[in-house]
Amino acid sequence: MAGVEAEVTQPSQVEISKTENVPAEGYDKKCIFCKIVNNEMGTELLHSDEEISCFRDIKPGAPHHYLVVPTKHVGNCKSLSKDHVPLVKRMVEAGTEILQKNNITDLSDARFGFHWPPFCSVTHLHLHVLAPASQMGFMSRLFYRINSYWFITADQLIELLNSKGETN
């Protein structure tokens, strides 16, 4: 009988070891930003905590161009609800702090915004923080254009989310 008991307990041990390979909640193994915030890409993180991470944009559109992302995977801005307003506000705060640490004090010459789907190359929510906006080149002014149908400012997104009803 002891041999039978060993056979019964062995499969459950195998099942436990299989669950150890499951990625952590809020991690998408196909998402480049998830890999960056988990230090899998060698990208320098300028800020990282349980909620928010920040790093330089690989194709800067301004002398200071940072991406602020939720540390856990969150879909693009179209998938957000009113419940995400505090997260978006925290992302803006983190972006402001990074600019200030880099001696950018004129926030009126900074741009904070999101590309509106389908105009985002990565589906992980990310805030573009660009400064000084007055030094952006022609193409960057086009890509990060305020009041366009492909780019929405952080304030516009917060207003849009606040106008939505409570989540289902």
N, C-alpha and C. Protein backbone atom coordinates (compact mmCIF):
# COMPACT_ATOMS: atom_id res chain seq x y z
N MET A 1 0.81 -1.20 0.00
CA MET A 1 0.00 0.00 0.00
C MET A 1 0.85 1.26 0.00
N ALA A 2 2.00 1.19 0.64
CA ALA A 2 2.85 2.37 0.71
C ALA A 2 3.30 2.79 -0.69
N GLY A 3 3.54 1.83 -1.57
CA GLY A 3 3.93 2.14 -2.94
C GLY A 3 2.84 2.86 -3.70
N VAL A 4 1.60 2.50 -3.46
CA VAL A 4 0.46 3.14 -4.11
C VAL A 4 0.34 4.59 -3.62
N GLU A 5 0.54 4.83 -2.33
CA GLU A 5 0.46 6.19 -1.79
C GLU A 5 1.52 7.09 -2.41
N ALA A 6 2.71 6.57 -2.61
CA ALA A 6 3.79 7.35 -3.21
C ALA A 6 3.41 7.76 -4.64
N GLU A 7 2.77 6.82 -5.38
CA GLU A 7 2.36 7.14 -6.74
C GLU A 7 1.29 8.22 -6.75
N VAL A 8 0.41 8.23 -5.77
CA VAL A 8 -0.66 9.21 -5.70
C VAL A 8 -0.09 10.60 -5.38
N THR A 9 0.89 10.69 -4.49
CA THR A 9 1.43 12.00 -4.11
C THR A 9 2.38 12.56 -5.16
N GLN A 10 3.01 11.72 -5.92
CA GLN A 10 3.98 12.19 -6.89
C GLN A 10 3.37 13.10 -7.96
N PRO A 11 2.22 12.78 -8.59
CA PRO A 11 1.66 13.68 -9.60
C PRO A 11 1.36 15.07 -9.05
N SER A 12 0.91 15.18 -7.81
CA SER A 12 0.60 16.50 -7.26
C SER A 12 1.87 17.33 -7.11
N GLN A 13 3.00 16.67 -6.82
CA GLN A 13 4.26 17.40 -6.74
C GLN A 13 4.66 17.93 -8.11
N VAL A 14 4.42 17.17 -9.16
CA VAL A 14 4.74 17.62 -10.51
C VAL A 14 3.88 18.83 -10.86
N GLU A 15 2.60 18.79 -10.50
CA GLU A 15 1.71 19.91 -10.79
C GLU A 15 2.19 21.18 -10.09
N ILE A 16 2.68 21.08 -8.88
CA ILE A 16 3.18 22.24 -8.15
C ILE A 16 4.37 22.84 -8.88
N SER A 17 5.29 22.00 -9.34
CA SER A 17 6.47 22.53 -10.02
C SER A 17 6.08 23.21 -11.33
N LYS A 18 5.02 22.77 -12.00
CA LYS A 18 4.58 23.41 -13.23
C LYS A 18 4.10 24.82 -12.96
N THR A 19 3.44 25.07 -11.85
CA THR A 19 2.90 26.40 -11.55
C THR A 19 4.01 27.39 -11.23
N GLU A 20 5.19 26.92 -10.87
CA GLU A 20 6.30 27.83 -10.58
C GLU A 20 6.76 28.57 -11.83
N ASN A 21 6.52 28.01 -13.02
CA ASN A 21 6.94 28.65 -14.26
C ASN A 21 5.93 29.65 -14.80
N VAL A 22 4.78 29.79 -14.15
CA VAL A 22 3.76 30.73 -14.59
C VAL A 22 4.23 32.14 -14.24
N PRO A 23 4.19 33.09 -15.22
CA PRO A 23 4.62 34.46 -14.94
C PRO A 23 3.77 35.10 -13.85
N ALA A 24 4.35 36.07 -13.17
CA ALA A 24 3.65 36.78 -12.11
C ALA A 24 2.43 37.49 -12.68
N GLU A 25 1.45 37.71 -11.84
CA GLU A 25 0.26 38.43 -12.25
C GLU A 25 0.66 39.83 -12.71
N GLY A 26 0.06 40.29 -13.82
CA GLY A 26 0.40 41.61 -14.32
C GLY A 26 1.62 41.62 -15.21
N TYR A 27 2.08 40.45 -15.65
CA TYR A 27 3.24 40.36 -16.53
C TYR A 27 2.82 39.69 -17.83
N ASP A 28 3.14 40.33 -18.96
CA ASP A 28 2.87 39.75 -20.27
C ASP A 28 4.22 39.43 -20.90
N LYS A 29 4.52 38.15 -21.04
CA LYS A 29 5.85 37.74 -21.52
C LYS A 29 6.15 38.22 -22.93
N LYS A 30 5.14 38.60 -23.70
CA LYS A 30 5.35 39.10 -25.06
C LYS A 30 5.53 40.62 -25.10
N CYS A 31 5.34 41.29 -23.97
CA CYS A 31 5.37 42.75 -23.92
C CYS A 31 6.77 43.27 -23.62
N ILE A 32 7.30 44.10 -24.51
CA ILE A 32 8.64 44.64 -24.33
C ILE A 32 8.74 45.50 -23.07
N PHE A 33 7.68 46.24 -22.74
CA PHE A 33 7.73 47.09 -21.54
C PHE A 33 7.69 46.25 -20.26
N CYS A 34 6.96 45.14 -20.28
CA CYS A 34 6.99 44.23 -19.12
C CYS A 34 8.41 43.70 -18.92
N LYS A 35 9.08 43.37 -20.02
CA LYS A 35 10.45 42.87 -19.93
C LYS A 35 11.39 43.96 -19.40
N ILE A 36 11.20 45.19 -19.85
CA ILE A 36 12.05 46.30 -19.40
C ILE A 36 11.88 46.52 -17.89
N VAL A 37 10.64 46.59 -17.41
CA VAL A 37 10.44 46.87 -15.98
C VAL A 37 10.88 45.70 -15.10
N ASN A 38 11.01 44.52 -15.70
CA ASN A 38 11.50 43.36 -14.96
C ASN A 38 12.99 43.13 -15.18
N ASN A 39 13.68 44.15 -15.67
CA ASN A 39 15.14 44.14 -15.87
C ASN A 39 15.61 42.99 -16.75
N GLU A 40 14.84 42.65 -17.77
CA GLU A 40 15.22 41.58 -18.68
C GLU A 40 15.89 42.11 -19.95
N MET A 41 15.91 43.43 -20.14
CA MET A 41 16.41 44.00 -21.38
C MET A 41 17.67 44.84 -21.21
N GLY A 42 18.09 45.07 -19.98
CA GLY A 42 19.27 45.88 -19.74
C GLY A 42 19.02 47.38 -19.87
N THR A 43 17.78 47.79 -19.94
CA THR A 43 17.42 49.20 -20.03
C THR A 43 17.54 49.84 -18.66
N GLU A 44 18.13 51.02 -18.61
CA GLU A 44 18.26 51.74 -17.34
C GLU A 44 16.89 52.25 -16.89
N LEU A 45 16.49 51.85 -15.69
CA LEU A 45 15.25 52.35 -15.11
C LEU A 45 15.58 53.60 -14.30
N LEU A 46 14.96 54.71 -14.67
CA LEU A 46 15.19 55.97 -13.97
C LEU A 46 14.37 56.05 -12.69
N HIS A 47 13.29 55.28 -12.68
CA HIS A 47 12.42 55.18 -11.50
C HIS A 47 11.74 53.82 -11.58
N SER A 48 11.59 53.17 -10.44
CA SER A 48 10.87 51.91 -10.41
C SER A 48 10.37 51.64 -9.01
N ASP A 49 9.06 51.43 -8.89
CA ASP A 49 8.47 51.00 -7.63
C ASP A 49 7.37 50.00 -7.96
N GLU A 50 6.58 49.63 -6.99
CA GLU A 50 5.55 48.61 -7.22
C GLU A 50 4.50 49.05 -8.23
N GLU A 51 4.30 50.37 -8.36
CA GLU A 51 3.22 50.88 -9.21
C GLU A 51 3.70 51.44 -10.55
N ILE A 52 4.83 52.15 -10.54
CA ILE A 52 5.27 52.93 -11.71
C ILE A 52 6.74 52.67 -12.01
N SER A 53 7.09 52.65 -13.30
CA SER A 53 8.48 52.59 -13.74
C SER A 53 8.68 53.63 -14.83
N CYS A 54 9.93 54.10 -14.97
CA CYS A 54 10.23 55.11 -15.98
C CYS A 54 11.59 54.83 -16.60
N PHE A 55 11.67 55.04 -17.92
CA PHE A 55 12.92 54.86 -18.65
C PHE A 55 12.91 55.78 -19.86
N ARG A 56 14.07 55.95 -20.49
CA ARG A 56 14.19 56.81 -21.67
C ARG A 56 13.56 56.14 -22.88
N ASP A 57 12.95 56.96 -23.73
CA ASP A 57 12.42 56.47 -24.99
C ASP A 57 13.58 56.11 -25.91
N ILE A 58 13.47 54.99 -26.61
CA ILE A 58 14.55 54.53 -27.49
C ILE A 58 14.71 55.44 -28.71
N LYS A 59 13.63 56.14 -29.11
CA LYS A 59 13.67 57.09 -30.23
C LYS A 59 13.18 58.44 -29.71
N PRO A 60 14.06 59.18 -29.03
CA PRO A 60 13.61 60.42 -28.40
C PRO A 60 13.10 61.47 -29.39
N GLY A 61 11.97 62.06 -29.02
CA GLY A 61 11.36 63.11 -29.83
C GLY A 61 11.69 64.50 -29.32
N ALA A 62 12.44 64.56 -28.22
CA ALA A 62 12.84 65.83 -27.60
C ALA A 62 14.11 65.54 -26.81
N PRO A 63 14.85 66.60 -26.41
CA PRO A 63 16.06 66.37 -25.62
C PRO A 63 15.82 65.50 -24.38
N HIS A 64 14.66 65.64 -23.77
CA HIS A 64 14.26 64.79 -22.65
C HIS A 64 12.97 64.09 -23.07
N HIS A 65 13.05 62.78 -23.30
CA HIS A 65 11.87 62.00 -23.70
C HIS A 65 11.87 60.72 -22.88
N TYR A 66 10.92 60.65 -21.96
CA TYR A 66 10.82 59.52 -21.05
C TYR A 66 9.49 58.82 -21.25
N LEU A 67 9.47 57.54 -20.92
CA LEU A 67 8.23 56.76 -20.90
C LEU A 67 7.96 56.35 -19.47
N VAL A 68 6.77 56.66 -19.01
CA VAL A 68 6.32 56.27 -17.67
C VAL A 68 5.26 55.20 -17.87
N VAL A 69 5.48 54.03 -17.26
CA VAL A 69 4.59 52.89 -17.46
C VAL A 69 4.17 52.31 -16.11
N PRO A 70 2.98 51.70 -16.07
CA PRO A 70 2.66 50.93 -14.87
C PRO A 70 3.62 49.75 -14.78
N THR A 71 4.08 49.43 -13.60
CA THR A 71 5.02 48.32 -13.43
C THR A 71 4.34 47.00 -13.80
N LYS A 72 3.06 46.87 -13.48
CA LYS A 72 2.29 45.70 -13.92
C LYS A 72 1.62 46.03 -15.24
N HIS A 73 1.46 45.04 -16.08
CA HIS A 73 0.90 45.25 -17.41
C HIS A 73 -0.53 45.78 -17.33
N VAL A 74 -0.74 46.89 -17.99
CA VAL A 74 -2.07 47.50 -18.15
C VAL A 74 -2.20 47.78 -19.64
N GLY A 75 -3.35 47.51 -20.20
CA GLY A 75 -3.56 47.73 -21.63
C GLY A 75 -3.47 49.20 -22.02
N ASN A 76 -3.69 49.49 -23.28
CA ASN A 76 -3.58 50.87 -23.77
C ASN A 76 -4.68 51.76 -23.18
N CYS A 77 -4.59 53.05 -23.48
CA CYS A 77 -5.49 54.02 -22.83
C CYS A 77 -6.96 53.82 -23.20
N LYS A 78 -7.24 53.16 -24.30
CA LYS A 78 -8.62 52.91 -24.70
C LYS A 78 -9.29 51.87 -23.79
N SER A 79 -8.48 51.04 -23.14
CA SER A 79 -9.01 49.98 -22.29
C SER A 79 -9.23 50.43 -20.83
N LEU A 80 -8.92 51.68 -20.53
CA LEU A 80 -9.00 52.15 -19.14
C LEU A 80 -10.41 52.52 -18.74
N SER A 81 -10.63 52.55 -17.43
CA SER A 81 -11.91 52.95 -16.86
C SER A 81 -11.67 54.10 -15.88
N LYS A 82 -12.75 54.57 -15.31
CA LYS A 82 -12.67 55.65 -14.31
C LYS A 82 -11.78 55.23 -13.13
N ASP A 83 -11.74 53.95 -12.85
CA ASP A 83 -10.91 53.43 -11.74
C ASP A 83 -9.41 53.65 -11.97
N HIS A 84 -9.02 53.92 -13.21
CA HIS A 84 -7.60 54.09 -13.54
C HIS A 84 -7.12 55.54 -13.39
N VAL A 85 -8.01 56.47 -13.07
CA VAL A 85 -7.62 57.89 -12.95
C VAL A 85 -6.47 58.07 -11.95
N PRO A 86 -6.50 57.48 -10.76
CA PRO A 86 -5.36 57.64 -9.85
C PRO A 86 -4.04 57.14 -10.44
N LEU A 87 -4.08 56.06 -11.21
CA LEU A 87 -2.88 55.53 -11.85
C LEU A 87 -2.33 56.54 -12.85
N VAL A 88 -3.20 57.09 -13.70
CA VAL A 88 -2.76 58.06 -14.71
C VAL A 88 -2.18 59.29 -14.02
N LYS A 89 -2.82 59.75 -12.95
CA LYS A 89 -2.30 60.91 -12.22
C LYS A 89 -0.93 60.60 -11.61
N ARG A 90 -0.76 59.40 -11.10
CA ARG A 90 0.53 59.01 -10.53
C ARG A 90 1.60 58.94 -11.62
N MET A 91 1.22 58.51 -12.81
CA MET A 91 2.16 58.47 -13.93
C MET A 91 2.63 59.89 -14.27
N VAL A 92 1.71 60.84 -14.29
CA VAL A 92 2.06 62.24 -14.56
C VAL A 92 2.99 62.77 -13.47
N GLU A 93 2.67 62.45 -12.21
CA GLU A 93 3.53 62.89 -11.10
C GLU A 93 4.94 62.34 -11.26
N ALA A 94 5.06 61.06 -11.62
CA ALA A 94 6.37 60.44 -11.80
C ALA A 94 7.12 61.11 -12.95
N GLY A 95 6.43 61.41 -14.03
CA GLY A 95 7.05 62.09 -15.17
C GLY A 95 7.54 63.47 -14.79
N THR A 96 6.74 64.18 -14.01
CA THR A 96 7.13 65.51 -13.54
C THR A 96 8.38 65.42 -12.66
N GLU A 97 8.40 64.44 -11.78
CA GLU A 97 9.57 64.25 -10.90
C GLU A 97 10.83 63.96 -11.71
N ILE A 98 10.73 63.14 -12.73
CA ILE A 98 11.89 62.82 -13.57
C ILE A 98 12.39 64.08 -14.28
N LEU A 99 11.47 64.88 -14.81
CA LEU A 99 11.88 66.13 -15.46
C LEU A 99 12.61 67.04 -14.47
N GLN A 100 12.04 67.17 -13.27
CA GLN A 100 12.65 68.04 -12.26
C GLN A 100 14.03 67.54 -11.85
N LYS A 101 14.20 66.24 -11.74
CA LYS A 101 15.51 65.66 -11.42
C LYS A 101 16.53 65.96 -12.52
N ASN A 102 16.04 66.20 -13.73
CA ASN A 102 16.90 66.51 -14.87
C ASN A 102 16.91 68.02 -15.17
N ASN A 103 16.59 68.81 -14.16
CA ASN A 103 16.65 70.27 -14.22
C ASN A 103 15.70 70.90 -15.25
N ILE A 104 14.60 70.24 -15.54
CA ILE A 104 13.56 70.82 -16.38
C ILE A 104 12.50 71.37 -15.43
N THR A 105 12.47 72.70 -15.32
CA THR A 105 11.56 73.33 -14.36
C THR A 105 10.37 74.01 -15.05
N ASP A 106 10.49 74.30 -16.35
CA ASP A 106 9.41 74.95 -17.08
C ASP A 106 8.46 73.88 -17.62
N LEU A 107 7.50 73.50 -16.80
CA LEU A 107 6.57 72.44 -17.20
C LEU A 107 5.57 72.92 -18.26
N SER A 108 5.51 74.23 -18.48
CA SER A 108 4.63 74.73 -19.55
C SER A 108 5.23 74.40 -20.92
N ASP A 109 6.53 74.05 -20.95
CA ASP A 109 7.20 73.67 -22.19
C ASP A 109 7.46 72.15 -22.22
N ALA A 110 6.60 71.42 -21.53
CA ALA A 110 6.69 69.95 -21.50
C ALA A 110 5.39 69.39 -22.05
N ARG A 111 5.46 68.20 -22.60
CA ARG A 111 4.27 67.54 -23.14
C ARG A 111 4.12 66.18 -22.48
N PHE A 112 2.93 65.93 -21.96
CA PHE A 112 2.59 64.67 -21.30
C PHE A 112 1.41 64.07 -22.06
N GLY A 113 1.58 62.90 -22.66
CA GLY A 113 0.46 62.34 -23.38
C GLY A 113 0.63 60.89 -23.80
N PHE A 114 -0.44 60.38 -24.41
CA PHE A 114 -0.55 58.98 -24.81
C PHE A 114 -0.95 58.91 -26.28
N HIS A 115 -0.43 57.92 -26.99
CA HIS A 115 -0.94 57.69 -28.34
C HIS A 115 -2.25 56.92 -28.22
N TRP A 116 -3.21 57.32 -29.02
CA TRP A 116 -4.53 56.71 -29.01
C TRP A 116 -4.56 55.55 -29.99
N PRO A 117 -5.02 54.38 -29.55
CA PRO A 117 -5.08 53.23 -30.46
C PRO A 117 -5.88 53.56 -31.72
N PRO A 118 -5.45 53.09 -32.85
CA PRO A 118 -4.41 52.08 -33.08
C PRO A 118 -3.01 52.66 -33.29
N PHE A 119 -2.78 53.88 -32.85
CA PHE A 119 -1.52 54.57 -33.13
C PHE A 119 -0.48 54.38 -32.03
N CYS A 120 -0.54 53.26 -31.31
CA CYS A 120 0.50 52.99 -30.32
C CYS A 120 1.19 51.68 -30.70
N SER A 121 2.50 51.71 -30.64
CA SER A 121 3.27 50.56 -31.09
C SER A 121 3.37 49.47 -30.02
N VAL A 122 3.15 49.81 -28.76
CA VAL A 122 3.20 48.85 -27.66
C VAL A 122 1.88 48.97 -26.90
N THR A 123 1.23 47.85 -26.64
CA THR A 123 -0.10 47.90 -26.01
C THR A 123 -0.04 48.12 -24.50
N HIS A 124 1.13 48.08 -23.90
CA HIS A 124 1.30 48.38 -22.47
C HIS A 124 1.13 49.89 -22.30
N LEU A 125 0.24 50.32 -21.42
CA LEU A 125 -0.01 51.74 -21.19
C LEU A 125 1.31 52.47 -20.96
N HIS A 126 1.55 53.57 -21.69
CA HIS A 126 2.77 54.34 -21.48
C HIS A 126 2.53 55.82 -21.75
N LEU A 127 3.00 56.61 -20.83
CA LEU A 127 2.90 58.07 -20.91
C LEU A 127 4.19 58.60 -21.52
N HIS A 128 4.07 59.38 -22.58
CA HIS A 128 5.23 60.06 -23.15
C HIS A 128 5.42 61.37 -22.39
N VAL A 129 6.64 61.60 -21.94
CA VAL A 129 7.00 62.84 -21.26
C VAL A 129 8.11 63.46 -22.09
N LEU A 130 7.81 64.59 -22.73
CA LEU A 130 8.76 65.23 -23.63
C LEU A 130 9.05 66.67 -23.18
N ALA A 131 10.31 67.05 -23.19
CA ALA A 131 10.68 68.42 -22.84
C ALA A 131 12.07 68.74 -23.37
N PRO A 132 12.34 69.96 -23.67
CA PRO A 132 11.35 71.03 -23.90
C PRO A 132 10.62 70.79 -25.23
N ALA A 133 9.31 70.97 -25.19
CA ALA A 133 8.49 70.76 -26.38
C ALA A 133 8.86 71.74 -27.47
N SER A 134 9.35 72.90 -27.09
CA SER A 134 9.73 73.92 -28.07
C SER A 134 10.94 73.49 -28.90
N GLN A 135 11.66 72.47 -28.46
CA GLN A 135 12.83 71.99 -29.19
C GLN A 135 12.56 70.70 -29.99
N MET A 136 11.30 70.31 -30.03
CA MET A 136 10.96 69.11 -30.79
C MET A 136 11.06 69.41 -32.29
N GLY A 137 11.55 68.44 -33.06
CA GLY A 137 11.65 68.59 -34.50
C GLY A 137 10.30 68.44 -35.17
N PHE A 138 10.29 68.63 -36.48
CA PHE A 138 9.05 68.59 -37.26
C PHE A 138 8.30 67.27 -37.07
N MET A 139 8.99 66.14 -37.23
CA MET A 139 8.32 64.84 -37.13
C MET A 139 7.80 64.59 -35.71
N SER A 140 8.57 64.99 -34.71
CA SER A 140 8.12 64.81 -33.33
C SER A 140 6.90 65.67 -33.04
N ARG A 141 6.88 66.88 -33.57
CA ARG A 141 5.70 67.74 -33.40
C ARG A 141 4.47 67.08 -34.02
N LEU A 142 4.69 66.35 -35.10
CA LEU A 142 3.59 65.65 -35.76
C LEU A 142 3.16 64.42 -34.95
N PHE A 143 4.13 63.59 -34.52
CA PHE A 143 3.82 62.37 -33.77
C PHE A 143 3.16 62.67 -32.42
N TYR A 144 3.58 63.74 -31.78
CA TYR A 144 3.09 64.07 -30.43
C TYR A 144 2.25 65.35 -30.47
N ARG A 145 1.44 65.44 -31.50
CA ARG A 145 0.64 66.64 -31.75
C ARG A 145 -0.60 66.68 -30.85
N ILE A 146 -0.71 67.79 -30.13
CA ILE A 146 -1.87 68.00 -29.26
C ILE A 146 -3.10 68.23 -30.15
N ASN A 147 -4.25 67.75 -29.69
CA ASN A 147 -5.53 67.88 -30.39
C ASN A 147 -5.54 67.15 -31.73
N SER A 148 -4.79 66.06 -31.82
CA SER A 148 -4.85 65.22 -33.01
C SER A 148 -5.66 63.98 -32.64
N TYR A 149 -6.04 63.21 -33.63
CA TYR A 149 -6.81 62.01 -33.32
C TYR A 149 -5.92 60.84 -32.94
N TRP A 150 -4.60 61.02 -32.96
CA TRP A 150 -3.68 59.93 -32.61
C TRP A 150 -2.92 60.16 -31.31
N PHE A 151 -3.03 61.36 -30.71
CA PHE A 151 -2.31 61.65 -29.48
C PHE A 151 -3.23 62.42 -28.54
N ILE A 152 -3.30 61.97 -27.30
CA ILE A 152 -4.17 62.59 -26.30
C ILE A 152 -3.32 62.99 -25.09
N THR A 153 -3.53 64.21 -24.61
CA THR A 153 -2.74 64.64 -23.45
C THR A 153 -3.21 63.89 -22.21
N ALA A 154 -2.37 63.88 -21.19
CA ALA A 154 -2.74 63.21 -19.94
C ALA A 154 -3.99 63.86 -19.35
N ASP A 155 -4.07 65.19 -19.40
CA ASP A 155 -5.25 65.89 -18.87
C ASP A 155 -6.51 65.49 -19.64
N GLN A 156 -6.39 65.37 -20.96
CA GLN A 156 -7.55 64.96 -21.76
C GLN A 156 -7.98 63.54 -21.41
N LEU A 157 -7.01 62.65 -21.18
CA LEU A 157 -7.35 61.27 -20.82
C LEU A 157 -8.03 61.22 -19.46
N ILE A 158 -7.51 61.98 -18.50
CA ILE A 158 -8.12 62.01 -17.17
C ILE A 158 -9.56 62.53 -17.26
N GLU A 159 -9.76 63.57 -18.04
CA GLU A 159 -11.11 64.13 -18.22
C GLU A 159 -12.03 63.10 -18.86
N LEU A 160 -11.52 62.40 -19.87
CA LEU A 160 -12.31 61.36 -20.55
C LEU A 160 -12.68 60.24 -19.57
N LEU A 161 -11.72 59.79 -18.78
CA LEU A 161 -11.98 58.70 -17.84
C LEU A 161 -12.96 59.14 -16.75
N ASN A 162 -12.83 60.37 -16.28
CA ASN A 162 -13.75 60.87 -15.25
C ASN A 162 -15.18 60.97 -15.78
N SER A 163 -15.32 61.15 -17.09
CA SER A 163 -16.67 61.27 -17.67
C SER A 163 -17.32 59.90 -17.87
N LYS A 164 -16.53 58.84 -17.79
CA LYS A 164 -17.07 57.48 -17.93
C LYS A 164 -17.82 57.09 -16.65
N GLY A 165 -18.79 56.21 -16.81
CA GLY A 165 -19.50 55.69 -15.65
C GLY A 165 -18.59 54.75 -14.87
N GLU A 166 -19.06 54.29 -13.76
CA GLU A 166 -18.31 53.32 -12.95
C GLU A 166 -18.12 52.05 -13.75
N THR A 167 -17.06 51.31 -13.40
CA THR A 167 -16.78 50.06 -14.11
C THR A 167 -17.88 49.05 -13.85
N ASN A 168 -18.04 48.15 -14.79
CA ASN A 168 -19.10 47.12 -14.67
C ASN A 168 -18.72 46.07 -13.66
